[in-house]
Amino acid sequence: MTGIPGLIQTSLPRLAQPTIAAVALAYFVVVAVIGVWAMRRTRTANDFFVAGEGIGLIALTLAAMSATVSGFAFIGGPGLVYVSGLGAVFLTLSSSVTASMTSWVLAKRLRLLAEVRGVITIPEAVGARYRSPAAQGWSALAILVAVIGYMATNILALGVVIDAVFGTGLTAGVWIGMLIVLAYSATGGILAGVYTDVFQGALMALASTLVFVYALRAGGGMGAISRTLMASDPEFLAPFGRIGPGAALSLFFVFGVGTMGQPHVLHKYYMLRDPRRLKWYPLLMTATLVMTMLLFFGVGVTVKALVASGRMPALARPEEATPLFLLGYTPMLLAGLVFAGVAAAIMSTVNSFMNIGAAALTRDLPAAFGKRVADPLRWGRIGTVVISLLAAWLALMPGAFVAFLGIFGWGLFASTLVPALAIGLNWEGATREGAIASIVTGLVVTLGFETMAALNVYRFPTGVTVSAFSLVLSILVFFGVSWMTRSRAAAALDEDVVLVMRA
């Protein structure tokens, strides 16, 4: 189930229209210009990993939104709605609360921790909270495993889009896309990523809103769309659609609570220039997410209604919903903007993963063994290249293997980081033993059950997902082990960390 955030597919309809190709080329030129600008401003490891802690609130919001959404919202998401009905919308309903919840629980504390301790990675925050290099190392390992798998699926998706637009072939598309992202990520670091994300996020929100308007026009408005669907497929409009209440509520839980464990988003809180501005973050983040998710819902229900009324042939594959709708019902320039937006979303996510993966490899894992690299900026760039090449190689493995890599990403982040970080920074009774036990539990349970599902050895009953199960189990382990070792809780807290937690 947790493959949902990834765009796991191996083909799209051919999109090699001159206008679409021209828009895509213009987009890549803008990205290149931003990369060159950022490279000239990246002089230290602090610049490379946290943009010198110098970005504003609007830039933070757009960058966090871009990293959150990925290409799934534009391609896989409408296909999921087309197949599953309104139950799929539970995945996006959590957007109404996640920004407020994450800001209240984590954002200010992470930013203040960066001030008092100089931490620039999420595992460093875990290590500082529990005074434990081991906890830092285990969280870094979990992040690294999930990052490589998640990157592979997103790089494959980027290759699919490039192949569809330019006709390069999938293998060439994967390597071209990888080299484009790597060029600005390895040179400009997260500084290049953040300001590329600002451009990408604005593009995604604009394109999504415009497509939603065209979707309503094509379907005759929401009233006409609803009447068509009620007449042809009433189950589609049922409260939980075709997936049932268990799966729908599981989506809401995993994507709601699990957002507090997504390091590629949390990491961006370190970068905010003025932490006092965070009070406006929930409003801005929620607004941009709603705009970006309009396409997710609008295209999914409209295409279903068009197929039901005979105005569009049935889809051969669900992920064809957006491409075929754009080619048939929107101006070609807007179609080009959307496909550039898909590439933008994927590249934004990949860039974020590159940065946190390189940090885990070159800073956090060595720190767990009491080591420090001599030149963190140089090794950060080397780490980015190594992780990227490995992910690109994995992206070209057989499709079932790539799908497996993408399936556990979101759930692994959530189950290993929500208890130790989100709960741990808000509960002084948490212990390092509880944190380590929960991280190991999330890592083992997620990988174990997803592997068994991939091999058809065992699958959970319908409506129960590995992500939800592993998240709940890791939280229970965290509380249980912390309670059993509660006499050591005070020893895991430094005075400055306590002040941050109580702020």
Foldseek 3Di string as FASTA:
>chain_A
DQLLLFDFDQAAAAAADPLLLVLLVVLLVVLVVLLVVLLVVDDAVCCQQAVVLEDALLLLLLLLLLQPRALCLQFVLLLCLLPFFPLSCLLLVLLLCQFVLLLVQPLLLVQVCCVPPVDQFPLVVLCQLQVALQLSLLLLVLLLLLLLLRLLRLLQVQLNLCCSHPVPDSLVSSVVLLCSLLSSCLRSHVSSLSVLSSVLLVLLLVLLQVVLVLLCVLQVHPVSLVVLCCVQPVLSHPNNGRQDDLQSVLSNVLSNLLVSLDRLSSSNSNNHNDSVVSVCSSVSNSVSSVSNNSSSPSLNSSLSSCCSVVVDPDDPGSSNSNVVCCVPGHDSNSVSSSSSSNSSSSSSNSSSSLSNSLCSVQPSNLVSVPDHDPGSSVSSSVSSVVSSVSSSVQSPPDSLSSSLSSNLNSLLSRQLGSQSPSVSLQDLLFHPQLNSQSNVQSSCQSNVQSVCVSVVNDDDPRSDDSSSVSNVVSNVSRVVVSVVVSVCSVVRRDPSSVVSSVD
